[in-house]
Amino acid sequence: MESGKYDRLITIERYTVSKNAMNEDVQTWAPLGPERAAAKIPISDGERFRADEVGSQATDRFRTRWDEFSGTVNTKDRLICEGKTYEIIGTKEIGRRKEVEITAATRSD
């Protein structure tokens, strides 16, 4: 993919558990490597009606260059793009360590 196609900045975060001063577990999200450029490809969007509520969800694919961090992304991680937090649904390597394609979903309600 041409570099001009990487027109969005994304942050990938990994769920971590650490200890505080009282030796209690503290659950947080920590960035997995630096912010990176990616291409955003919309896949689908939809609305659901349930219990008098409207909920909408968008599913997108993000393509970014493969590196030591992006090569380890999995479904336990999350992705942030343009202020929206996405749940990662799946990942796959494109080419031999060339790109990583991340499929992710976000709720817009």
N, C-alpha and C. Protein backbone atom coordinates (compact mmCIF):
# COMPACT_ATOMS: atom_id res chain seq x y z
N MET A 1 0.85 -1.17 0.00
CA MET A 1 0.00 0.00 0.00
C MET A 1 0.90 1.24 0.00
N GLU A 2 0.54 2.24 -0.78
CA GLU A 2 1.33 3.47 -0.86
C GLU A 2 1.26 4.24 0.45
N SER A 3 2.37 4.96 0.78
CA SER A 3 2.36 5.70 2.03
C SER A 3 1.28 6.76 2.12
N GLY A 4 0.85 7.35 1.02
CA GLY A 4 -0.20 8.35 1.04
C GLY A 4 -1.53 7.81 1.51
N LYS A 5 -1.70 6.50 1.45
CA LYS A 5 -2.94 5.88 1.89
C LYS A 5 -3.03 5.81 3.42
N TYR A 6 -1.90 5.91 4.09
CA TYR A 6 -1.88 5.89 5.55
C TYR A 6 -2.22 7.29 6.04
N ASP A 7 -3.50 7.62 6.03
CA ASP A 7 -3.92 9.00 6.31
C ASP A 7 -4.54 9.20 7.69
N ARG A 8 -4.48 8.19 8.56
CA ARG A 8 -5.03 8.30 9.92
C ARG A 8 -3.94 7.94 10.92
N LEU A 9 -4.04 8.48 12.12
CA LEU A 9 -3.15 8.09 13.21
C LEU A 9 -3.93 7.22 14.18
N ILE A 10 -3.35 6.09 14.53
CA ILE A 10 -4.01 5.18 15.47
C ILE A 10 -3.07 4.88 16.64
N THR A 11 -3.69 4.54 17.75
CA THR A 11 -2.96 4.07 18.92
C THR A 11 -3.52 2.70 19.27
N ILE A 12 -2.65 1.75 19.46
CA ILE A 12 -3.08 0.42 19.90
C ILE A 12 -2.73 0.30 21.37
N GLU A 13 -3.72 -0.11 22.16
CA GLU A 13 -3.51 -0.22 23.60
C GLU A 13 -3.69 -1.67 24.04
N ARG A 14 -2.89 -2.05 25.02
CA ARG A 14 -2.95 -3.40 25.59
C ARG A 14 -3.41 -3.30 27.04
N TYR A 15 -4.30 -4.20 27.41
CA TYR A 15 -4.83 -4.27 28.78
C TYR A 15 -3.73 -4.81 29.68
N THR A 16 -3.46 -4.10 30.75
CA THR A 16 -2.41 -4.51 31.68
C THR A 16 -2.91 -4.48 33.11
N VAL A 17 -2.29 -5.27 33.94
CA VAL A 17 -2.58 -5.28 35.37
C VAL A 17 -1.26 -5.05 36.09
N SER A 18 -1.24 -4.05 36.97
CA SER A 18 -0.04 -3.76 37.75
C SER A 18 -0.45 -3.62 39.21
N LYS A 19 0.52 -3.38 40.05
CA LYS A 19 0.26 -3.24 41.49
C LYS A 19 0.43 -1.78 41.90
N ASN A 20 -0.44 -1.31 42.79
CA ASN A 20 -0.30 0.05 43.32
C ASN A 20 0.52 -0.01 44.62
N ALA A 21 0.62 1.11 45.31
CA ALA A 21 1.42 1.19 46.54
C ALA A 21 0.89 0.27 47.64
N MET A 22 -0.39 -0.05 47.58
CA MET A 22 -1.00 -0.94 48.58
C MET A 22 -0.95 -2.41 48.13
N ASN A 23 -0.22 -2.68 47.05
CA ASN A 23 -0.08 -4.02 46.48
C ASN A 23 -1.41 -4.58 45.96
N GLU A 24 -2.30 -3.68 45.54
CA GLU A 24 -3.58 -4.07 44.96
C GLU A 24 -3.45 -4.06 43.44
N ASP A 25 -4.19 -4.93 42.77
CA ASP A 25 -4.19 -4.95 41.31
C ASP A 25 -4.85 -3.69 40.76
N VAL A 26 -4.20 -3.08 39.80
CA VAL A 26 -4.73 -1.90 39.11
C VAL A 26 -4.81 -2.26 37.64
N GLN A 27 -6.01 -2.17 37.08
CA GLN A 27 -6.22 -2.53 35.68
C GLN A 27 -6.22 -1.26 34.83
N THR A 28 -5.37 -1.24 33.81
CA THR A 28 -5.27 -0.07 32.95
C THR A 28 -5.02 -0.50 31.51
N TRP A 29 -5.13 0.47 30.61
CA TRP A 29 -4.76 0.27 29.21
C TRP A 29 -3.48 1.06 28.97
N ALA A 30 -2.50 0.41 28.36
CA ALA A 30 -1.22 1.06 28.08
C ALA A 30 -0.94 1.00 26.58
N PRO A 31 -0.38 2.08 26.01
CA PRO A 31 -0.06 2.07 24.57
C PRO A 31 0.91 0.95 24.23
N LEU A 32 0.66 0.29 23.11
CA LEU A 32 1.53 -0.76 22.60
C LEU A 32 2.39 -0.12 21.51
N GLY A 33 3.52 0.40 21.89
CA GLY A 33 4.38 1.08 20.93
C GLY A 33 3.88 2.49 20.65
N PRO A 34 4.54 3.17 19.73
CA PRO A 34 4.18 4.55 19.42
C PRO A 34 2.91 4.65 18.57
N GLU A 35 2.35 5.85 18.51
CA GLU A 35 1.23 6.12 17.60
C GLU A 35 1.72 5.82 16.19
N ARG A 36 0.82 5.32 15.33
CA ARG A 36 1.25 4.94 13.99
C ARG A 36 0.26 5.38 12.93
N ALA A 37 0.75 5.52 11.71
CA ALA A 37 -0.09 5.89 10.58
C ALA A 37 -0.79 4.64 10.06
N ALA A 38 -2.04 4.80 9.64
CA ALA A 38 -2.81 3.66 9.14
C ALA A 38 -3.82 4.14 8.10
N ALA A 39 -4.27 3.21 7.30
CA ALA A 39 -5.37 3.46 6.37
C ALA A 39 -6.64 2.91 7.02
N LYS A 40 -7.73 3.66 6.90
CA LYS A 40 -9.01 3.24 7.47
C LYS A 40 -9.95 2.88 6.34
N ILE A 41 -10.49 1.66 6.39
CA ILE A 41 -11.38 1.17 5.35
C ILE A 41 -12.71 0.79 6.00
N PRO A 42 -13.78 1.57 5.79
CA PRO A 42 -15.08 1.24 6.38
C PRO A 42 -15.61 -0.08 5.82
N ILE A 43 -16.17 -0.92 6.69
CA ILE A 43 -16.74 -2.19 6.24
C ILE A 43 -18.25 -2.15 6.34
N SER A 44 -18.76 -1.84 7.54
CA SER A 44 -20.21 -1.83 7.70
C SER A 44 -20.60 -0.94 8.86
N ASP A 45 -21.86 -0.55 8.84
CA ASP A 45 -22.43 0.16 9.98
C ASP A 45 -23.87 -0.30 10.09
N GLY A 46 -24.42 -0.15 11.25
CA GLY A 46 -25.79 -0.62 11.43
C GLY A 46 -26.39 -0.08 12.70
N GLU A 47 -27.71 -0.20 12.77
CA GLU A 47 -28.43 0.24 13.96
C GLU A 47 -29.23 -0.93 14.50
N ARG A 48 -29.38 -0.94 15.80
CA ARG A 48 -30.18 -1.97 16.45
C ARG A 48 -31.22 -1.27 17.32
N PHE A 49 -32.39 -1.84 17.35
CA PHE A 49 -33.45 -1.32 18.21
C PHE A 49 -33.73 -2.38 19.27
N ARG A 50 -33.59 -1.99 20.53
CA ARG A 50 -33.81 -2.95 21.61
C ARG A 50 -34.23 -2.17 22.84
N ALA A 51 -35.31 -2.58 23.44
CA ALA A 51 -35.80 -1.97 24.68
C ALA A 51 -35.88 -0.45 24.57
N ASP A 52 -36.48 0.02 23.50
CA ASP A 52 -36.67 1.46 23.25
C ASP A 52 -35.37 2.25 23.16
N GLU A 53 -34.27 1.57 22.83
CA GLU A 53 -32.99 2.25 22.66
C GLU A 53 -32.49 1.99 21.25
N VAL A 54 -31.82 2.98 20.72
CA VAL A 54 -31.19 2.81 19.42
C VAL A 54 -29.69 2.71 19.65
N GLY A 55 -29.09 1.68 19.13
CA GLY A 55 -27.65 1.51 19.24
C GLY A 55 -27.05 1.35 17.87
N SER A 56 -25.93 1.98 17.62
CA SER A 56 -25.30 1.83 16.31
C SER A 56 -23.87 1.37 16.49
N GLN A 57 -23.40 0.66 15.48
CA GLN A 57 -22.06 0.11 15.53
C GLN A 57 -21.44 0.25 14.15
N ALA A 58 -20.16 0.57 14.12
CA ALA A 58 -19.42 0.65 12.86
C ALA A 58 -18.25 -0.32 12.93
N THR A 59 -18.04 -1.03 11.84
CA THR A 59 -16.91 -1.95 11.74
C THR A 59 -15.99 -1.43 10.65
N ASP A 60 -14.71 -1.32 10.97
CA ASP A 60 -13.72 -0.79 10.04
C ASP A 60 -12.50 -1.70 10.01
N ARG A 61 -11.75 -1.59 8.92
CA ARG A 61 -10.45 -2.25 8.84
C ARG A 61 -9.39 -1.17 8.82
N PHE A 62 -8.32 -1.43 9.53
CA PHE A 62 -7.18 -0.53 9.57
C PHE A 62 -5.97 -1.29 9.06
N ARG A 63 -5.25 -0.68 8.12
CA ARG A 63 -4.01 -1.29 7.63
C ARG A 63 -2.86 -0.40 8.03
N THR A 64 -1.84 -1.02 8.60
CA THR A 64 -0.66 -0.29 9.02
C THR A 64 0.57 -1.13 8.67
N ARG A 65 1.71 -0.48 8.64
CA ARG A 65 2.94 -1.21 8.35
C ARG A 65 3.24 -2.21 9.47
N TRP A 66 3.80 -3.35 9.09
CA TRP A 66 4.18 -4.36 10.08
C TRP A 66 5.44 -3.89 10.79
N ASP A 67 5.47 -4.03 12.10
CA ASP A 67 6.69 -3.81 12.88
C ASP A 67 6.61 -4.69 14.12
N GLU A 68 7.60 -4.58 15.00
CA GLU A 68 7.63 -5.48 16.17
C GLU A 68 6.42 -5.31 17.08
N PHE A 69 5.77 -4.15 17.06
CA PHE A 69 4.59 -3.93 17.89
C PHE A 69 3.32 -4.38 17.17
N SER A 70 3.13 -3.91 15.94
CA SER A 70 1.89 -4.24 15.23
C SER A 70 1.78 -5.73 14.95
N GLY A 71 2.91 -6.43 14.87
CA GLY A 71 2.89 -7.87 14.64
C GLY A 71 2.35 -8.67 15.82
N THR A 72 2.22 -8.03 16.98
CA THR A 72 1.73 -8.75 18.17
C THR A 72 0.29 -8.38 18.54
N VAL A 73 -0.35 -7.52 17.77
CA VAL A 73 -1.72 -7.08 18.07
C VAL A 73 -2.65 -8.29 18.04
N ASN A 74 -3.56 -8.36 19.02
CA ASN A 74 -4.52 -9.46 19.08
C ASN A 74 -5.88 -8.94 19.57
N THR A 75 -6.83 -9.84 19.71
CA THR A 75 -8.20 -9.45 20.05
C THR A 75 -8.37 -9.02 21.50
N LYS A 76 -7.34 -9.13 22.31
CA LYS A 76 -7.41 -8.63 23.69
C LYS A 76 -7.02 -7.15 23.75
N ASP A 77 -6.53 -6.61 22.65
CA ASP A 77 -6.11 -5.21 22.59
C ASP A 77 -7.27 -4.34 22.10
N ARG A 78 -7.06 -3.04 22.12
CA ARG A 78 -8.04 -2.11 21.56
C ARG A 78 -7.31 -1.07 20.72
N LEU A 79 -8.06 -0.38 19.88
CA LEU A 79 -7.50 0.59 18.96
C LEU A 79 -8.23 1.91 19.14
N ILE A 80 -7.49 3.01 19.09
CA ILE A 80 -8.10 4.33 19.19
C ILE A 80 -7.75 5.10 17.93
N CYS A 81 -8.78 5.64 17.29
CA CYS A 81 -8.62 6.43 16.07
C CYS A 81 -9.60 7.59 16.12
N GLU A 82 -9.08 8.79 15.97
CA GLU A 82 -9.89 10.01 15.93
C GLU A 82 -10.84 10.11 17.12
N GLY A 83 -10.35 9.76 18.30
CA GLY A 83 -11.15 9.87 19.52
C GLY A 83 -12.12 8.74 19.77
N LYS A 84 -12.22 7.79 18.86
CA LYS A 84 -13.12 6.65 19.04
C LYS A 84 -12.32 5.43 19.47
N THR A 85 -12.88 4.68 20.40
CA THR A 85 -12.25 3.46 20.87
C THR A 85 -12.90 2.28 20.17
N TYR A 86 -12.07 1.43 19.58
CA TYR A 86 -12.52 0.26 18.83
C TYR A 86 -12.11 -1.02 19.54
N GLU A 87 -13.00 -1.99 19.55
CA GLU A 87 -12.69 -3.34 20.02
C GLU A 87 -12.12 -4.11 18.83
N ILE A 88 -10.96 -4.71 19.00
CA ILE A 88 -10.34 -5.45 17.90
C ILE A 88 -11.00 -6.82 17.77
N ILE A 89 -11.49 -7.09 16.56
CA ILE A 89 -12.19 -8.33 16.27
C ILE A 89 -11.24 -9.38 15.70
N GLY A 90 -10.28 -8.94 14.90
CA GLY A 90 -9.34 -9.88 14.29
C GLY A 90 -8.18 -9.15 13.64
N THR A 91 -7.11 -9.88 13.40
CA THR A 91 -5.94 -9.32 12.73
C THR A 91 -5.40 -10.34 11.73
N LYS A 92 -4.71 -9.85 10.71
CA LYS A 92 -4.01 -10.76 9.81
C LYS A 92 -2.83 -10.03 9.18
N GLU A 93 -1.83 -10.81 8.89
CA GLU A 93 -0.63 -10.28 8.26
C GLU A 93 -0.86 -10.24 6.75
N ILE A 94 -0.51 -9.11 6.14
CA ILE A 94 -0.64 -8.94 4.69
C ILE A 94 0.77 -8.98 4.12
N GLY A 95 1.01 -9.91 3.21
CA GLY A 95 2.37 -10.08 2.71
C GLY A 95 3.25 -10.68 3.79
N ARG A 96 4.49 -10.83 3.51
CA ARG A 96 5.41 -11.39 4.51
C ARG A 96 6.00 -10.24 5.32
N ARG A 97 5.36 -9.98 6.49
CA ARG A 97 5.78 -8.90 7.38
C ARG A 97 5.81 -7.55 6.66
N LYS A 98 4.79 -7.33 5.85
CA LYS A 98 4.68 -6.06 5.12
C LYS A 98 3.68 -5.13 5.78
N GLU A 99 2.46 -5.65 6.01
CA GLU A 99 1.40 -4.87 6.65
C GLU A 99 0.63 -5.77 7.62
N VAL A 100 -0.12 -5.11 8.50
CA VAL A 100 -1.05 -5.80 9.40
C VAL A 100 -2.42 -5.19 9.15
N GLU A 101 -3.41 -6.04 8.96
CA GLU A 101 -4.78 -5.57 8.80
C GLU A 101 -5.53 -5.89 10.08
N ILE A 102 -6.12 -4.86 10.66
CA ILE A 102 -6.84 -4.98 11.93
C ILE A 102 -8.31 -4.71 11.67
N THR A 103 -9.17 -5.66 11.99
CA THR A 103 -10.62 -5.45 11.88
C THR A 103 -11.12 -5.10 13.27
N ALA A 104 -11.85 -3.98 13.36
CA ALA A 104 -12.28 -3.49 14.67
C ALA A 104 -13.67 -2.88 14.59
N ALA A 105 -14.37 -2.88 15.72
CA ALA A 105 -15.73 -2.35 15.79
C ALA A 105 -15.83 -1.34 16.91
N THR A 106 -16.67 -0.33 16.69
CA THR A 106 -16.92 0.69 17.72
C THR A 106 -18.41 0.94 17.81
N ARG A 107 -18.85 1.31 18.98
CA ARG A 107 -20.24 1.72 19.19
C ARG A 107 -20.26 3.23 19.14
N SER A 108 -21.25 3.76 18.48
CA SER A 108 -21.34 5.22 18.38
C SER A 108 -22.47 5.80 19.20
N ASP A 109 -22.90 5.08 20.22
CA ASP A 109 -23.95 5.60 21.10
C ASP A 109 -23.42 5.83 22.49
